[in-house]
Protein backbone atom coordinates (compact mmCIF):
# COMPACT_ATOMS: atom_id res chain seq x y z
CA MET A 1 5.59 -19.86 16.46
CA ILE A 2 3.35 -18.26 19.40
CA TYR A 3 3.98 -14.80 19.09
CA PRO A 4 4.47 -12.59 15.94
CA GLU A 5 8.07 -11.48 14.85
CA PHE A 6 10.01 -8.40 13.04
CA ARG A 7 12.59 -10.57 11.12
CA HIS A 8 15.75 -8.28 9.54
CA ASP A 9 17.23 -9.88 6.47
CA LEU A 10 20.89 -9.24 6.71
CA ILE A 11 21.31 -9.04 2.89
CA SER A 12 18.34 -6.79 1.85
CA GLY A 13 18.15 -4.62 4.93
CA SER A 14 14.45 -4.99 4.77
CA TRP A 15 12.21 -5.54 7.78
CA VAL A 16 9.57 -8.76 7.31
CA LEU A 17 6.56 -9.34 9.85
CA ILE A 18 6.24 -13.13 10.51
CA ALA A 19 2.44 -13.16 11.39
CA PRO A 20 1.33 -16.78 11.47
CA LYS A 21 -2.50 -15.88 13.19
CA ARG A 22 -3.15 -13.30 10.12
CA ALA A 23 -3.74 -17.20 8.50
CA LEU A 24 -7.48 -16.81 10.48
CA ARG A 25 -8.82 -13.82 8.99
CA PRO A 26 -12.02 -14.56 7.02
CA HIS A 27 -12.12 -15.05 3.32
CA GLU A 28 -14.93 -13.29 2.55
CA LEU A 29 -14.18 -11.43 -0.71
CA LYS A 30 -12.40 -14.53 -2.10
CA VAL A 31 -15.69 -16.51 -3.01
CA GLN A 32 -17.51 -12.94 -2.87
CA LYS A 33 -17.53 -10.38 -5.81
CA ARG A 34 -17.27 -6.83 -4.18
CA GLN A 35 -20.99 -6.04 -5.52
CA GLU A 36 -22.36 -9.13 -3.41
CA ARG A 37 -21.73 -7.23 -0.22
CA ARG A 38 -23.82 -9.13 2.09
CA LYS A 39 -24.85 -6.73 4.89
CA GLU A 40 -26.97 -9.28 7.33
CA THR A 41 -23.29 -11.31 8.02
CA CYS A 42 -21.23 -8.03 7.99
CA PRO A 43 -18.84 -8.24 11.36
CA PHE A 44 -18.34 -4.18 11.08
CA GLU A 45 -22.46 -3.23 11.21
CA SER A 46 -22.32 -3.38 15.08
CA PRO A 47 -19.20 -1.97 16.77
CA TYR A 48 -19.82 -3.38 19.48
CA GLU A 49 -21.54 -7.00 19.45
CA GLU A 50 -18.68 -8.55 17.86
CA ASN A 51 -15.45 -6.21 18.56
CA ILE A 52 -13.73 -4.84 21.22
CA LEU A 53 -14.38 -1.03 21.00
CA ILE A 54 -11.78 1.41 21.26
CA SER A 55 -13.62 4.63 20.27
CA GLN A 56 -16.14 5.99 18.52
CA TYR A 57 -17.76 9.33 17.29
CA GLY A 58 -21.70 9.50 17.84
CA GLU A 59 -23.56 7.86 21.00
CA GLY A 60 -24.66 4.44 21.18
CA ASP A 61 -26.66 3.32 18.16
CA ALA A 62 -26.08 6.89 16.67
CA TRP A 63 -22.39 5.83 16.11
CA ARG A 64 -20.56 7.18 13.03
CA VAL A 65 -17.47 6.08 12.88
CA ALA A 66 -15.28 3.15 15.53
CA ALA A 67 -12.00 2.07 16.19
CA ILE A 68 -12.39 -1.06 17.12
CA GLU A 69 -9.02 -4.11 17.71
CA ASN A 70 -8.38 -6.12 14.91
CA LYS A 71 -9.37 -9.56 15.71
CA TYR A 72 -6.77 -11.21 13.66
CA PRO A 73 -3.93 -8.90 14.10
CA ALA A 74 -0.27 -8.52 12.61
CA VAL A 75 1.24 -7.86 15.95
CA VAL A 76 -0.11 -8.10 19.46
CA HIS A 77 -0.20 -6.09 22.95
CA GLU A 78 2.12 -8.38 24.74
CA TRP A 79 5.15 -6.31 25.53
CA ARG A 80 6.52 -8.44 28.72
CA ALA A 81 5.39 -11.73 27.09
CA MET A 82 7.52 -11.40 24.32
CA LYS A 83 11.84 -10.74 23.88
CA ASN A 84 13.61 -9.78 21.24
CA ARG A 85 16.16 -11.65 20.09
CA LYS A 86 19.89 -11.29 18.05
CA SER A 87 22.28 -13.42 16.85
CA PRO A 88 25.31 -13.00 14.46
CA LEU A 89 23.50 -13.29 11.40
CA TYR A 90 19.45 -12.21 12.43
CA GLU A 91 17.59 -9.97 14.45
CA CYS A 92 14.46 -10.63 15.45
CA VAL A 93 12.29 -8.00 17.10
CA ALA A 94 9.00 -9.19 18.75
CA GLY A 95 5.91 -8.27 16.98
CA ALA A 96 4.18 -6.55 19.67
CA GLY A 97 2.17 -3.21 19.08
CA HIS A 98 -1.33 -2.39 18.67
CA HIS A 99 -3.43 -3.14 15.32
CA GLU A 100 -6.90 -1.31 15.32
CA ILE A 101 -9.68 -0.84 12.36
CA VAL A 102 -11.36 2.46 12.29
CA ILE A 103 -15.16 1.46 10.64
CA THR A 104 -17.85 3.89 8.71
CA ARG A 105 -21.44 3.55 9.50
CA SER A 106 -22.51 3.04 5.78
CA HIS A 107 -21.78 -0.86 4.59
CA THR A 108 -21.19 0.25 0.90
CA MET A 109 -20.25 3.80 0.86
CA ASN A 110 -16.52 3.88 0.33
CA PHE A 111 -14.19 6.61 1.12
CA SER A 112 -14.82 8.28 -1.79
CA ALA A 113 -18.82 8.56 -1.44
CA LEU A 114 -18.78 10.17 2.37
CA ALA A 115 -19.93 13.34 2.83
CA PRO A 116 -17.30 16.10 3.26
CA ARG A 117 -17.49 16.10 7.23
CA ALA A 118 -18.23 12.20 7.49
CA ALA A 119 -14.84 11.65 5.16
CA GLU A 120 -12.76 14.57 7.86
CA GLU A 121 -14.26 12.25 10.77
CA VAL A 122 -12.64 9.20 9.92
CA PHE A 123 -9.00 11.33 9.54
CA LEU A 124 -9.95 12.52 13.01
CA MET A 125 -10.22 9.72 14.11
CA PHE A 126 -6.72 8.56 12.81
CA GLN A 127 -5.41 11.75 14.62
CA ASP A 128 -7.38 10.45 17.69
CA ARG A 129 -5.64 7.04 17.62
CA TYR A 130 -2.33 7.85 16.62
CA ARG A 131 -1.74 10.47 19.16
CA ALA A 132 -2.97 7.90 21.79
CA LEU A 133 -1.04 4.81 20.34
CA MET A 134 2.75 7.14 20.47
CA LYS A 135 2.27 7.58 23.89
CA GLU A 136 3.62 4.12 24.34
CA LYS A 137 7.59 4.51 24.35
CA GLU A 138 7.75 1.03 22.87
CA ILE A 139 6.10 2.24 19.67
CA ALA A 140 8.39 4.08 16.54
CA TYR A 141 6.02 3.58 13.99
CA ILE A 142 2.07 4.03 12.96
CA SER A 143 0.60 2.92 9.62
CA ILE A 144 -2.49 4.01 8.52
CA PHE A 145 -3.70 2.66 5.24
CA GLN A 146 -7.10 1.22 3.29
CA ASN A 147 -7.12 -1.89 1.60
CA TRP A 148 -9.60 -2.10 -1.03
CA GLY A 149 -11.06 -4.85 -2.94
CA ALA A 150 -9.36 -8.46 -2.38
CA SER A 151 -6.86 -7.75 -5.54
CA ALA A 152 -5.78 -4.98 -2.73
CA GLY A 153 -6.00 -6.99 0.31
CA ALA A 154 -9.24 -6.72 1.54
CA SER A 155 -10.69 -9.32 3.50
CA ILE A 156 -14.47 -7.88 4.73
CA ALA A 157 -16.36 -5.89 2.07
CA HIS A 158 -17.86 -3.34 4.80
CA PRO A 159 -15.37 -0.32 4.03
CA HIS A 160 -12.48 0.07 6.81
CA PHE A 161 -9.62 1.23 7.45
CA GLN A 162 -6.60 -0.45 9.27
CA ILE A 163 -3.94 0.97 12.18
CA LEU A 164 -0.62 -0.68 12.87
CA ALA A 165 1.62 0.50 15.44
CA VAL A 166 4.89 -1.24 15.43
CA PRO A 167 8.21 -1.22 17.75
CA ILE A 168 10.31 -0.75 14.21
CA ILE A 169 11.08 1.86 11.53
CA PRO A 170 9.44 0.13 8.14
CA SER A 171 12.31 -0.36 5.81
CA VAL A 172 10.76 1.76 2.94
CA VAL A 173 10.21 4.27 5.20
CA ALA A 174 13.75 4.44 6.70
CA HIS A 175 15.25 4.72 3.19
CA ALA A 176 12.86 7.57 2.12
CA LEU A 177 13.99 9.37 5.46
CA SER A 178 17.40 8.63 4.72
CA SER A 179 17.21 10.51 1.32
CA ALA A 180 15.24 13.28 2.59
CA THR A 181 17.92 13.80 4.99
CA SER A 182 20.82 13.69 2.64
CA TYR A 183 19.03 15.99 0.36
CA PHE A 184 18.36 18.51 3.36
CA LYS A 185 22.49 18.34 4.09
CA THR A 186 23.25 19.13 0.36
CA HIS A 187 20.03 21.61 -0.55
CA ARG A 188 19.27 22.94 2.94
CA ARG A 189 15.41 22.22 1.60
CA CYS A 190 13.06 19.52 1.75
CA VAL A 191 12.81 16.67 -0.61
CA HIS A 192 9.35 16.47 -1.28
CA GLU A 193 8.88 20.30 -1.21
CA ALA A 194 11.41 20.59 -4.27
CA VAL A 195 9.44 18.16 -5.92
CA LEU A 196 6.06 19.86 -5.31
CA ALA A 197 7.31 23.22 -6.25
CA HIS A 198 8.63 21.19 -9.72
CA GLU A 199 5.29 19.56 -10.09
CA LEU A 200 3.16 22.70 -9.77
CA LYS A 201 5.66 24.78 -11.99
CA GLU A 202 5.58 22.23 -14.55
CA LYS A 203 2.06 21.16 -14.31
CA ARG A 204 1.76 18.08 -16.34
CA ARG A 205 1.01 15.98 -13.85
CA ILE A 206 -0.98 18.09 -11.42
CA VAL A 207 -4.61 15.77 -11.13
CA PHE A 208 -6.07 18.07 -8.71
CA ARG A 209 -5.11 20.81 -6.52
CA ASP A 210 -6.67 23.75 -3.90
CA ARG A 211 -5.04 26.26 -1.31
CA GLU A 212 -4.45 23.41 1.20
CA ALA A 213 -3.62 19.90 -0.88
CA VAL A 214 -2.26 18.72 -4.31
CA SER A 215 -2.53 15.74 -6.36
CA PHE A 216 -0.18 14.43 -8.58
CA ALA A 217 1.14 11.65 -10.68
CA PRO A 218 4.13 11.19 -9.49
CA TYR A 219 7.74 11.53 -12.45
CA VAL A 220 8.69 8.19 -10.94
CA SER A 221 5.39 6.47 -10.64
CA LEU A 222 5.94 2.88 -9.51
CA LYS A 223 2.71 1.88 -10.32
CA PRO A 224 -0.24 2.46 -13.35
CA TYR A 225 -1.82 5.57 -12.42
CA GLU A 226 -0.53 5.82 -8.84
CA LEU A 227 -1.07 9.34 -6.97
CA HIS A 228 0.14 11.47 -4.22
CA VAL A 229 -1.54 14.03 -2.44
CA TYR A 230 0.29 16.27 -0.07
CA PRO A 231 -0.50 19.04 1.72
CA VAL A 232 0.94 22.66 0.48
CA LEU A 233 2.28 23.84 3.55
CA HIS A 234 5.45 22.15 4.76
CA ASN A 235 4.56 19.67 7.95
CA ALA A 236 6.37 16.48 8.96
CA TYR A 237 3.51 15.15 10.97
CA PHE A 238 0.59 13.67 10.31
CA GLU A 239 -0.81 13.95 13.84
CA GLU A 240 0.11 17.46 13.74
CA ALA A 241 -1.88 18.42 10.86
CA LYS A 242 -4.18 21.32 11.83
CA PRO A 243 -7.89 21.11 11.41
CA LYS A 244 -7.71 23.71 7.85
CA GLU A 245 -4.95 21.23 6.43
CA LEU A 246 -6.86 18.34 7.27
CA ARG A 247 -9.33 19.00 5.56
CA GLY A 248 -8.10 19.91 2.39
CA MET A 249 -6.01 16.55 2.38
CA VAL A 250 -9.11 14.93 2.99
CA GLY A 251 -10.55 16.87 0.11
CA ALA A 252 -7.95 15.72 -1.97
CA LEU A 253 -8.05 12.47 -1.67
CA GLN A 254 -11.77 12.15 -1.88
CA GLU A 255 -11.37 13.73 -5.40
CA SER A 256 -8.59 11.83 -6.90
CA LEU A 257 -10.36 8.41 -5.69
CA ARG A 258 -13.34 9.67 -7.61
CA ARG A 259 -11.30 10.34 -10.69
CA MET A 260 -9.76 6.85 -10.54
CA LYS A 261 -13.06 5.54 -9.71
CA ARG A 262 -14.87 7.40 -12.97
CA SER A 263 -11.92 6.85 -15.19
CA LEU A 264 -10.18 3.64 -14.52
CA LYS A 265 -14.06 1.67 -13.95
CA ASP A 266 -13.63 1.56 -9.88
CA PRO A 267 -9.95 -0.18 -9.14
CA ASP A 268 -9.15 -2.54 -6.52
CA TYR A 269 -6.52 0.01 -4.51
CA ASN A 270 -4.40 0.50 -1.50
CA PHE A 271 -4.21 4.45 0.31
CA PHE A 272 -1.58 4.62 2.42
CA ILE A 273 -0.25 7.53 4.83
CA HIS A 274 3.25 8.66 5.02
CA THR A 275 4.64 10.41 7.76
CA ALA A 276 7.95 11.07 10.01
CA PRO A 277 8.51 8.46 13.22
CA VAL A 278 7.42 9.04 16.60
CA ARG A 279 10.39 9.91 18.08
CA ASP A 280 12.89 12.11 17.60
CA LYS A 281 10.84 14.74 15.57
CA ARG A 282 13.69 16.96 15.20
CA ARG A 283 15.76 14.86 13.44
CA HIS A 284 13.15 14.52 10.79
CA SER A 285 11.55 17.95 10.67
CA HIS A 286 12.55 18.44 6.84
CA TYR A 287 10.30 15.12 6.21
CA HIS A 288 6.34 16.40 4.80
CA TRP A 289 3.76 13.86 5.31
CA HIS A 290 1.47 12.80 2.46
CA ILE A 291 -0.78 10.29 1.01
CA GLU A 292 -0.11 7.66 -1.77
CA ILE A 293 -2.71 5.89 -3.57
CA ALA A 294 -1.75 2.43 -5.09
CA PRO A 295 -5.06 0.76 -7.80
CA LYS A 296 -4.61 -2.27 -8.36
CA MET A 297 -3.56 -2.10 -12.18
CA LYS A 298 -1.00 -5.13 -12.69
CA ILE A 299 0.70 -7.68 -10.85
CA ASP A 300 4.08 -7.87 -10.09
CA ALA A 301 6.37 -10.79 -12.09
CA GLY A 302 9.39 -12.15 -12.07
CA PHE A 303 11.65 -8.97 -12.59
CA GLU A 304 10.29 -6.99 -10.24
CA LEU A 305 10.12 -9.24 -7.80
CA GLY A 306 13.50 -10.55 -8.78
CA THR A 307 15.00 -7.32 -9.23
CA GLY A 308 13.06 -4.87 -7.05
CA ILE A 309 12.57 -2.32 -10.47
CA GLU A 310 8.73 -1.96 -11.11
CA ILE A 311 7.94 -2.02 -14.42
CA ASN A 312 5.32 0.66 -15.25
CA SER A 313 3.12 0.39 -18.41
CA VAL A 314 1.66 3.80 -18.26
CA ASP A 315 3.33 7.13 -18.33
CA PRO A 316 2.39 9.30 -15.36
CA ASP A 317 1.79 12.33 -17.77
CA GLU A 318 -0.81 10.48 -19.57
CA ALA A 319 -2.11 8.92 -16.47
CA ALA A 320 -2.24 12.57 -15.08
CA ARG A 321 -3.90 13.86 -18.50
CA LEU A 322 -6.70 11.31 -17.82
CA LEU A 323 -7.58 11.23 -14.36
CA SER A 324 -7.94 15.38 -14.43
CA ARG A 325 -10.14 15.20 -17.24
CA ALA A 326 -12.28 12.65 -15.10
CA THR A 327 -14.15 15.85 -13.25
CA PRO A 328 -16.99 14.49 -10.71
CA PRO A 329 -19.85 16.02 -9.31
CA HIS A 330 -18.88 18.50 -6.95
CA SER A 331 -14.78 18.75 -7.88
CA GLY A 332 -12.12 21.61 -7.62
CA THR A 333 -9.93 22.92 -9.69
CA PRO A 334 -8.43 20.36 -11.81
CA GLY A 335 -4.93 20.50 -12.87
CA ARG A 336 -4.57 21.51 -16.49
């Protein structure tokens, strides 16, 4: 294979990205513990020297947040050279798109440890890049996430985040959109708002809340100590979040991660933004953008892989109780 491809499985309905160039990624963390971060050999110490710079906040060497091209992209920006293919059994969409990395200045200070304004600037960069990438007519969905730690998929220790803009709607997202649409047609209400209202009423699984955002352990938690972070007011689109809403979400995300770090002994984790697709905005207006945090506390085994049914050994009520009691410095109002 010369180019990456999105391959559609006729049986499961899932999309899989075959990206052979990803095998060229460095594997720093496979031979080096997270605590042993070598700043002198880090490729993210300067966004200019070893990378193609896309955007940055701060002038020259005084940069604070930067967006760069991924040197080992899962998708490549070569629309004209790549073609879609379809047969009676398989559908193959060209793996074209954009794969960018957002990096912060500090080599050791992860997202939860950033000053509030510095953390907010990370999300402002996300929004800037999202708005720029969505202008390309071929882009259908934009995924923004952080892998923290080797078991979560991070291959470089320097705190960083990734943005993938792709020409398909991922299967998980498509399923969530379909469920949200079905609920809205029946109840004329956003399903996420219904869940959020229920959680706020029960208060059993709330970990953190303030006027702008809520963090809670979902009743149907796929992973141990999984948390979801929602803006209080309805908004389907991350890129349309106003400064106050974005600031509240950033604060709730930092607070949630700090509580995990304190209670769960600093686990590796993934967090990712779920938002409605970039097209057909009226069609998806009943969706509700949010952030999901999945600490790496278990490894899927035969039953999970064979059935798609997760086994979660931690009661979400107990998870919320533990995390709500963990009150780091400068925290807001915990759920009780």
